[in-house]
C-alpha atoms as a PDB file:
ATOM      1  CA  MET A   1     -45.053 -83.295  68.613  1.00  0.00           C
ATOM      2  CA  SER A   2     -42.621 -81.049  66.759  1.00  0.00           C
ATOM      3  CA  GLU A   3     -41.884 -81.603  63.065  1.00  0.00           C
ATOM      4  CA  LEU A   4     -38.921 -80.690  60.914  1.00  0.00           C
ATOM      5  CA  GLU A   5     -37.573 -81.334  57.441  1.00  0.00           C
ATOM      6  CA  TRP A   6     -34.071 -82.769  57.574  1.00  0.00           C
ATOM      7  CA  GLY A   7     -32.113 -84.785  55.057  1.00  0.00           C
ATOM      8  CA  GLY A   8     -34.969 -84.516  52.585  1.00  0.00           C
ATOM      9  CA  GLN A   9     -37.339 -86.349  54.967  1.00  0.00           C
ATOM     10  CA  THR A  10     -40.006 -85.400  57.508  1.00  0.00           C
ATOM     11  CA  TRP A  11     -39.376 -86.217  61.175  1.00  0.00           C
ATOM     12  CA  GLY A  12     -41.751 -85.947  64.101  1.00  0.00           C
ATOM     13  CA  LEU A  13     -40.144 -85.418  67.514  1.00  0.00           C
ATOM     14  CA  ARG A  14     -42.244 -86.673  70.404  1.00  0.00           C
ATOM     15  CA  PRO A  15     -42.160 -85.760  74.126  1.00  0.00           C
ATOM     16  CA  ASP A  16     -41.757 -89.457  74.980  1.00  0.00           C
ATOM     17  CA  ARG A  17     -38.260 -89.141  73.379  1.00  0.00           C
ATOM     18  CA  SER A  18     -39.147 -91.160  70.298  1.00  0.00           C
ATOM     19  CA  MET A  19     -39.034 -89.939  66.700  1.00  0.00           C
ATOM     20  CA  ILE A  20     -41.252 -90.895  63.777  1.00  0.00           C
ATOM     21  CA  TRP A  21     -39.889 -91.052  60.228  1.00  0.00           C
ATOM     22  CA  LYS A  22     -43.099 -90.148  58.483  1.00  0.00           C
ATOM     23  CA  GLU A  23     -42.333 -91.216  54.917  1.00  0.00           C
ATOM     24  CA  GLN A  24     -41.389 -94.724  56.082  1.00  0.00           C
ATOM     25  CA  ARG A  25     -43.845 -95.024  59.017  1.00  0.00           C
ATOM     26  CA  THR A  26     -40.867 -95.942  61.198  1.00  0.00           C
ATOM     27  CA  LEU A  27     -40.588 -95.168  64.914  1.00  0.00           C
ATOM     28  CA  ILE A  28     -37.037 -94.632  66.164  1.00  0.00           C
ATOM     29  CA  ILE A  29     -35.757 -94.715  69.740  1.00  0.00           C
ATOM     30  CA  ALA A  30     -32.272 -94.757  71.262  1.00  0.00           C
ATOM     31  CA  ASP A  31     -30.874 -96.338  74.392  1.00  0.00           C
ATOM     32  CA  PRO A  32     -33.809 -97.999  76.162  1.00  0.00           C
ATOM     33  CA  HIS A  33     -31.345 -99.846  78.453  1.00  0.00           C
ATOM     34  CA  PHE A  34     -33.859-102.516  79.381  1.00  0.00           C
ATOM     35  CA  GLY A  35     -32.845-104.251  82.604  1.00  0.00           C
ATOM     36  CA  LYS A  36     -30.820-101.359  84.024  1.00  0.00           C
ATOM     37  CA  SER A  37     -32.775-101.302  87.278  1.00  0.00           C
ATOM     38  CA  ASP A  38     -32.431-105.110  87.525  1.00  0.00           C
ATOM     39  CA  HIS A  39     -28.681-104.713  87.046  1.00  0.00           C
ATOM     40  CA  PHE A  40     -28.432-102.341  90.001  1.00  0.00           C
ATOM     41  CA  ARG A  41     -30.664-104.476  92.198  1.00  0.00           C
ATOM     42  CA  SER A  42     -28.448-107.489  91.447  1.00  0.00           C
ATOM     43  CA  ALA A  43     -25.571-105.462  92.896  1.00  0.00           C
ATOM     44  CA  GLY A  44     -27.555-104.694  96.055  1.00  0.00           C
ATOM     45  CA  VAL A  45     -28.562-101.138  95.108  1.00  0.00           C
ATOM     46  CA  PRO A  46     -32.221-100.577  96.157  1.00  0.00           C
ATOM     47  CA  VAL A  47     -33.587 -98.868  93.039  1.00  0.00           C
ATOM     48  CA  PRO A  48     -37.336 -98.732  92.273  1.00  0.00           C
ATOM     49  CA  ARG A  49     -39.108-101.426  90.279  1.00  0.00           C
ATOM     50  CA  GLY A  50     -41.465-100.813  87.383  1.00  0.00           C
ATOM     51  CA  THR A  51     -39.157 -99.026  84.934  1.00  0.00           C
ATOM     52  CA  THR A  52     -39.503-101.742  82.267  1.00  0.00           C
ATOM     53  CA  ARG A  53     -43.286-101.610  82.444  1.00  0.00           C
ATOM     54  CA  HIS A  54     -43.200 -97.817  82.246  1.00  0.00           C
ATOM     55  CA  ASN A  55     -40.867 -97.840  79.228  1.00  0.00           C
ATOM     56  CA  LEU A  56     -42.988-100.392  77.389  1.00  0.00           C
ATOM     57  CA  GLU A  57     -46.178 -98.453  78.119  1.00  0.00           C
ATOM     58  CA  ARG A  58     -44.585 -95.317  76.643  1.00  0.00           C
ATOM     59  CA  LEU A  59     -43.515 -97.334  73.620  1.00  0.00           C
ATOM     60  CA  ASP A  60     -47.063 -98.687  73.203  1.00  0.00           C
ATOM     61  CA  VAL A  61     -48.466 -95.149  73.197  1.00  0.00           C
ATOM     62  CA  ALA A  62     -45.904 -93.986  70.622  1.00  0.00           C
ATOM     63  CA  LEU A  63     -46.585 -96.920  68.294  1.00  0.00           C
ATOM     64  CA  GLU A  64     -50.338 -96.468  68.522  1.00  0.00           C
ATOM     65  CA  ALA A  65     -50.201 -92.698  68.050  1.00  0.00           C
ATOM     66  CA  THR A  66     -47.916 -92.829  65.011  1.00  0.00           C
ATOM     67  CA  GLY A  67     -49.241 -95.951  63.319  1.00  0.00           C
ATOM     68  CA  ALA A  68     -45.649 -97.107  62.816  1.00  0.00           C
ATOM     69  CA  LYS A  69     -45.047-100.327  60.914  1.00  0.00           C
ATOM     70  CA  ARG A  70     -41.418-100.622  61.971  1.00  0.00           C
ATOM     71  CA  LEU A  71     -39.343 -99.839  65.074  1.00  0.00           C
ATOM     72  CA  ILE A  72     -35.622 -99.077  64.922  1.00  0.00           C
ATOM     73  CA  VAL A  73     -33.646 -99.027  68.173  1.00  0.00           C
ATOM     74  CA  LEU A  74     -30.344 -97.153  67.990  1.00  0.00           C
ATOM     75  CA  GLY A  75     -28.521 -99.524  70.295  1.00  0.00           C
ATOM     76  CA  ASP A  76     -28.191-100.396  73.964  1.00  0.00           C
ATOM     77  CA  PHE A  77     -31.365-102.447  73.931  1.00  0.00           C
ATOM     78  CA  PHE A  78     -30.196-104.167  77.136  1.00  0.00           C
ATOM     79  CA  HIS A  79     -28.096-102.492  79.798  1.00  0.00           C
ATOM     80  CA  SER A  80     -26.041-105.490  80.939  1.00  0.00           C
ATOM     81  CA  ARG A  81     -26.023-109.269  81.024  1.00  0.00           C
ATOM     82  CA  ASN A  82     -26.794-109.233  84.774  1.00  0.00           C
ATOM     83  CA  GLY A  83     -29.963-107.268  84.118  1.00  0.00           C
ATOM     84  CA  VAL A  84     -31.409-109.721  81.604  1.00  0.00           C
ATOM     85  CA  THR A  85     -33.648-111.644  84.004  1.00  0.00           C
ATOM     86  CA  GLU A  86     -36.410-114.140  83.268  1.00  0.00           C
ATOM     87  CA  GLU A  87     -38.916-111.554  84.482  1.00  0.00           C
ATOM     88  CA  LEU A  88     -37.566-108.983  82.013  1.00  0.00           C
ATOM     89  CA  ILE A  89     -37.677-111.405  79.089  1.00  0.00           C
ATOM     90  CA  GLU A  90     -41.253-112.355  79.947  1.00  0.00           C
ATOM     91  CA  GLN A  91     -42.311-108.702  80.025  1.00  0.00           C
ATOM     92  CA  LEU A  92     -40.677-108.163  76.629  1.00  0.00           C
ATOM     93  CA  ARG A  93     -42.299-111.334  75.255  1.00  0.00           C
ATOM     94  CA  VAL A  94     -45.763-110.132  76.307  1.00  0.00           C
ATOM     95  CA  TRP A  95     -45.065-106.759  74.691  1.00  0.00           C
ATOM     96  CA  ARG A  96     -43.773-108.411  71.509  1.00  0.00           C
ATOM     97  CA  ASN A  97     -46.916-110.538  71.251  1.00  0.00           C
ATOM     98  CA  ARG A  98     -48.976-107.341  71.282  1.00  0.00           C
ATOM     99  CA  TRP A  99     -46.973-106.115  68.280  1.00  0.00           C
ATOM    100  CA  ASP A 100     -46.326-109.373  66.449  1.00  0.00           C
ATOM    101  CA  GLY A 101     -46.670-107.712  63.042  1.00  0.00           C
ATOM    102  CA  LEU A 102     -44.134-105.010  63.846  1.00  0.00           C
ATOM    103  CA  ARG A 103     -40.640-105.275  62.386  1.00  0.00           C
ATOM    104  CA  VAL A 104     -38.097-104.452  65.092  1.00  0.00           C
ATOM    105  CA  ILE A 105     -34.426-103.736  64.354  1.00  0.00           C
ATOM    106  CA  ASN A 106     -31.715-103.086  66.954  1.00  0.00           C
ATOM    107  CA  VAL A 107     -28.497-101.405  65.787  1.00  0.00           C
ATOM    108  CA  ARG A 108     -26.061-102.857  68.308  1.00  0.00           C
ATOM    109  CA  GLY A 109     -24.500-100.493  70.846  1.00  0.00           C
ATOM    110  CA  ASN A 110     -21.645-100.769  73.317  1.00  0.00           C
ATOM    111  CA  HIS A 111     -23.887-102.211  76.049  1.00  0.00           C
ATOM    112  CA  ASP A 112     -25.310-104.771  73.604  1.00  0.00           C
ATOM    113  CA  ARG A 113     -21.830-106.125  72.961  1.00  0.00           C
ATOM    114  CA  GLN A 114     -21.578-107.064  76.645  1.00  0.00           C
ATOM    115  CA  ALA A 115     -25.216-107.997  77.294  1.00  0.00           C
ATOM    116  CA  GLY A 116     -25.750-109.979  74.096  1.00  0.00           C
ATOM    117  CA  ASP A 117     -28.614-109.914  71.595  1.00  0.00           C
ATOM    118  CA  PRO A 118     -32.240-110.432  72.665  1.00  0.00           C
ATOM    119  CA  PRO A 119     -33.384-114.070  72.493  1.00  0.00           C
ATOM    120  CA  SER A 120     -34.669-115.209  69.109  1.00  0.00           C
ATOM    121  CA  SER A 121     -38.173-115.660  70.563  1.00  0.00           C
ATOM    122  CA  LEU A 122     -38.526-111.854  70.628  1.00  0.00           C
ATOM    123  CA  ASP A 123     -38.060-111.683  66.841  1.00  0.00           C
ATOM    124  CA  ILE A 124     -35.740-108.666  66.919  1.00  0.00           C
ATOM    125  CA  GLU A 125     -33.270-108.215  64.066  1.00  0.00           C
ATOM    126  CA  CYS A 126     -29.829-107.209  65.350  1.00  0.00           C
ATOM    127  CA  VAL A 127     -27.419-105.437  63.007  1.00  0.00           C
ATOM    128  CA  CYS A 128     -24.099-103.671  63.314  1.00  0.00           C
ATOM    129  CA  GLY A 129     -23.917-100.001  62.516  1.00  0.00           C
ATOM    130  CA  PRO A 130     -23.678 -97.889  60.596  1.00  0.00           C
ATOM    131  CA  TRP A 131     -26.651 -99.599  58.964  1.00  0.00           C
ATOM    132  CA  ARG A 132     -28.386 -98.183  55.909  1.00  0.00           C
ATOM    133  CA  ASP A 133     -32.101 -98.523  55.504  1.00  0.00           C
ATOM    134  CA  GLU A 134     -32.926-100.786  52.589  1.00  0.00           C
ATOM    135  CA  SER A 135     -35.827 -98.571  51.492  1.00  0.00           C
ATOM    136  CA  ASP A 136     -33.812 -95.339  51.484  1.00  0.00           C
ATOM    137  CA  GLN A 137     -30.027 -95.465  51.161  1.00  0.00           C
ATOM    138  CA  ALA A 138     -29.813 -91.754  52.036  1.00  0.00           C
ATOM    139  CA  VAL A 139     -30.569 -92.533  55.705  1.00  0.00           C
ATOM    140  CA  ALA A 140     -28.180 -94.439  57.975  1.00  0.00           C
ATOM    141  CA  PHE A 141     -28.437 -95.609  61.574  1.00  0.00           C
ATOM    142  CA  ALA A 142     -25.704 -96.003  64.191  1.00  0.00           C
ATOM    143  CA  HIS A 143     -25.327 -96.216  67.941  1.00  0.00           C
ATOM    144  CA  GLU A 144     -22.292 -94.036  68.562  1.00  0.00           C
ATOM    145  CA  PRO A 145     -22.316 -90.686  66.720  1.00  0.00           C
ATOM    146  CA  ASP A 146     -21.001 -91.185  63.212  1.00  0.00           C
ATOM    147  CA  VAL A 147     -21.050 -89.543  59.794  1.00  0.00           C
ATOM    148  CA  VAL A 148     -21.788 -91.777  56.803  1.00  0.00           C
ATOM    149  CA  SER A 149     -20.961 -90.710  53.265  1.00  0.00           C
ATOM    150  CA  ASN A 150     -23.933 -89.837  51.055  1.00  0.00           C
ATOM    151  CA  ALA A 151     -26.386 -90.161  53.954  1.00  0.00           C
ATOM    152  CA  VAL A 152     -27.748 -88.464  57.023  1.00  0.00           C
ATOM    153  CA  THR A 153     -27.134 -90.531  60.147  1.00  0.00           C
ATOM    154  CA  LEU A 154     -29.303 -91.037  63.217  1.00  0.00           C
ATOM    155  CA  CYS A 155     -27.413 -91.922  66.390  1.00  0.00           C
ATOM    156  CA  GLY A 156     -27.782 -92.489  70.132  1.00  0.00           C
ATOM    157  CA  HIS A 157     -25.226 -93.226  72.880  1.00  0.00           C
ATOM    158  CA  ILE A 158     -24.800 -89.658  74.168  1.00  0.00           C
ATOM    159  CA  HIS A 159     -28.176 -89.256  75.965  1.00  0.00           C
ATOM    160  CA  PRO A 160     -28.000 -85.548  75.087  1.00  0.00           C
ATOM    161  CA  ALA A 161     -29.352 -82.803  77.315  1.00  0.00           C
ATOM    162  CA  VAL A 162     -29.487 -79.042  76.951  1.00  0.00           C
ATOM    163  CA  ILE A 163     -29.005 -76.579  79.813  1.00  0.00           C
ATOM    164  CA  LEU A 164     -31.291 -73.571  79.433  1.00  0.00           C
ATOM    165  CA  GLU A 165     -31.032 -70.257  81.240  1.00  0.00           C
ATOM    166  CA  GLY A 166     -34.095 -68.197  82.073  1.00  0.00           C
ATOM    167  CA  LEU A 167     -34.844 -65.052  84.010  1.00  0.00           C
ATOM    168  CA  GLY A 168     -33.211 -64.568  87.394  1.00  0.00           C
ATOM    169  CA  LYS A 169     -30.362 -66.952  86.496  1.00  0.00           C
ATOM    170  CA  SER A 170     -32.747 -69.892  86.660  1.00  0.00           C
ATOM    171  CA  ARG A 171     -31.543 -73.002  84.889  1.00  0.00           C
ATOM    172  CA  LEU A 172     -33.265 -76.009  83.397  1.00  0.00           C
ATOM    173  CA  ARG A 173     -31.665 -79.258  82.263  1.00  0.00           C
ATOM    174  CA  ALA A 174     -33.743 -81.096  79.653  1.00  0.00           C
ATOM    175  CA  ALA A 175     -33.269 -84.086  77.385  1.00  0.00           C
ATOM    176  CA  CYS A 176     -33.014 -83.024  73.751  1.00  0.00           C
ATOM    177  CA  PHE A 177     -32.815 -83.977  70.102  1.00  0.00           C
ATOM    178  CA  HIS A 178     -29.587 -82.593  68.627  1.00  0.00           C
ATOM    179  CA  PHE A 179     -29.481 -82.076  64.852  1.00  0.00           C
ATOM    180  CA  LYS A 180     -26.329 -81.236  62.938  1.00  0.00           C
ATOM    181  CA  THR A 181     -26.078 -80.874  59.169  1.00  0.00           C
ATOM    182  CA  ARG A 182     -25.727 -84.614  58.518  1.00  0.00           C
ATOM    183  CA  GLN A 183     -26.023 -86.190  61.962  1.00  0.00           C
ATOM    184  CA  ALA A 184     -28.774 -86.306  64.573  1.00  0.00           C
ATOM    185  CA  VAL A 185     -28.491 -87.628  68.127  1.00  0.00           C
ATOM    186  CA  LEU A 186     -31.663 -88.791  69.872  1.00  0.00           C
ATOM    187  CA  PRO A 187     -32.276 -88.557  73.618  1.00  0.00           C
ATOM    188  CA  GLY A 188     -32.078 -91.729  75.678  1.00  0.00           C
ATOM    189  CA  PHE A 189     -35.499 -93.390  75.678  1.00  0.00           C
ATOM    190  CA  GLY A 190     -35.086 -95.346  78.913  1.00  0.00           C
ATOM    191  CA  ALA A 191     -36.627 -93.685  81.951  1.00  0.00           C
ATOM    192  CA  PHE A 192     -33.726 -94.818  84.142  1.00  0.00           C
ATOM    193  CA  THR A 193     -30.887 -93.301  82.120  1.00  0.00           C
ATOM    194  CA  GLY A 194     -28.614 -90.317  82.667  1.00  0.00           C
ATOM    195  CA  MET A 195     -27.943 -87.366  80.377  1.00  0.00           C
ATOM    196  CA  LYS A 196     -24.906 -85.527  79.044  1.00  0.00           C
ATOM    197  CA  ALA A 197     -25.049 -81.783  78.462  1.00  0.00           C
ATOM    198  CA  ILE A 198     -24.177 -80.649  74.935  1.00  0.00           C
ATOM    199  CA  LEU A 199     -22.954 -77.362  73.509  1.00  0.00           C
ATOM    200  CA  PRO A 200     -24.414 -76.874  70.016  1.00  0.00           C
ATOM    201  CA  SER A 201     -22.536 -75.108  67.258  1.00  0.00           C
ATOM    202  CA  ARG A 202     -23.938 -72.166  65.333  1.00  0.00           C
ATOM    203  CA  LYS A 203     -25.535 -74.270  62.567  1.00  0.00           C
ATOM    204  CA  ASP A 204     -27.098 -76.902  64.843  1.00  0.00           C
ATOM    205  CA  ARG A 205     -30.739 -77.254  65.821  1.00  0.00           C
ATOM    206  CA  VAL A 206     -31.687 -78.388  69.323  1.00  0.00           C
ATOM    207  CA  PHE A 207     -35.160 -79.457  70.442  1.00  0.00           C
ATOM    208  CA  ALA A 208     -35.742 -79.667  74.194  1.00  0.00           C
ATOM    209  CA  VAL A 209     -38.081 -82.373  75.464  1.00  0.00           C
ATOM    210  CA  GLY A 210     -40.766 -81.357  77.944  1.00  0.00           C
ATOM    211  CA  PRO A 211     -43.466 -83.396  79.665  1.00  0.00           C
ATOM    212  CA  THR A 212     -46.056 -82.744  76.942  1.00  0.00           C
ATOM    213  CA  GLU A 213     -44.251 -81.064  74.041  1.00  0.00           C
ATOM    214  CA  VAL A 214     -40.975 -80.692  72.183  1.00  0.00           C
ATOM    215  CA  ALA A 215     -39.719 -77.165  71.498  1.00  0.00           C
ATOM    216  CA  GLU A 216     -36.846 -75.851  69.406  1.00  0.00           C
ATOM    217  CA  VAL A 217     -34.582 -73.896  71.752  1.00  0.00           C
ATOM    218  CA  PHE A 218     -31.601 -73.380  69.482  1.00  0.00           C
ATOM    219  CA  GLY A 219     -31.615 -73.038  65.727  1.00  0.00           C
ATOM    220  CA  ALA A 220     -33.603 -71.705  62.824  1.00  0.00           C
ATOM    221  CA  THR A 221     -36.992 -71.217  64.500  1.00  0.00           C
ATOM    222  CA  ALA A 222     -36.121 -70.990  68.189  1.00  0.00           C
ATOM    223  CA  ALA A 223     -38.230 -68.402  69.991  1.00  0.00           C
ATOM    224  CA  ASN A 224     -36.911 -66.119  72.748  1.00  0.00           C
ATOM    225  CA  ARG A 225     -33.438 -67.338  71.984  1.00  0.00           C
ATOM    226  CA  ARG A 226     -31.715 -64.881  74.279  1.00  0.00           C
ATOM    227  CA  SER A 227     -33.440 -66.133  77.441  1.00  0.00           C
ATOM    228  CA  ARG A 228     -33.384 -69.777  76.370  1.00  0.00           C
ATOM    229  CA  GLN A 229     -29.825 -69.951  75.023  1.00  0.00           C
ATOM    230  CA  PRO A 230     -28.170 -73.267  75.887  1.00  0.00           C
ATOM    231  CA  ARG A 231     -25.422 -72.734  78.425  1.00  0.00           C
ATOM    232  CA  LYS A 232     -22.008 -74.346  78.194  1.00  0.00           C
ATOM    233  CA  PRO A 233     -21.751 -77.230  80.693  1.00  0.00           C
ATOM    234  CA  THR A 234     -19.098 -76.866  83.386  1.00  0.00           C
ATOM    235  CA  ALA A 235     -16.556 -79.471  84.434  1.00  0.00           C
ATOM    236  CA  SER A 236     -18.431 -80.011  87.708  1.00  0.00           C
ATOM    237  CA  GLU A 237     -21.599 -81.171  85.967  1.00  0.00           C
ATOM    238  CA  PRO A 238     -21.928 -84.944  85.569  1.00  0.00           C
ATOM    239  CA  ALA A 239     -21.987 -86.391  82.068  1.00  0.00           C
ATOM    240  CA  ASP A 240     -24.549 -89.044  82.963  1.00  0.00           C
END
């Protein structure tokens, strides 16, 4: 896990693409897109099963490791209405029963507006963003990137990725956390989601997500910046 001070708070960035707000013992994820594989299978596309189980297992590990008392989802909890199957709801119900004392808040995203809110049996609070945390008005939460006055804002939606260049013109595309002065965009948490390459500005900080660690590749403490400099995405590279 990589830590940074931002907005007067301490944030832990995890390789499972979640982030822990240490002062508030709050785990934050963006864009789980539960039911995305079910959505594609309903359209006759033969995609693998098991993504929901995998995502929930990763979430279990993050909650246990951080000792979080609250979970905030930065939107797109579900992918689509077609993907919200009885099997999916049952898997989520079993998971919710394991964490019945956990407060869960979903800041509605664009996919949520089409898919609808989770059923009340899952005990998930759904709010519209930007939403300010009641315990700290200096932190706001949104789905689509936004800037809120007198607050730093955590966002999702973009599924950001950074393109790194190494020796011999080798290139690596990695999910990332993208921090600006007052706005941060988290990587998509769902295992079955795409990514969009970003081009950070001079004052930004970018943390690439690897299988077992998170490393700053652009910004104040980035090591070997010349060989790891994020490359500008080209028009031929897909956004998602």
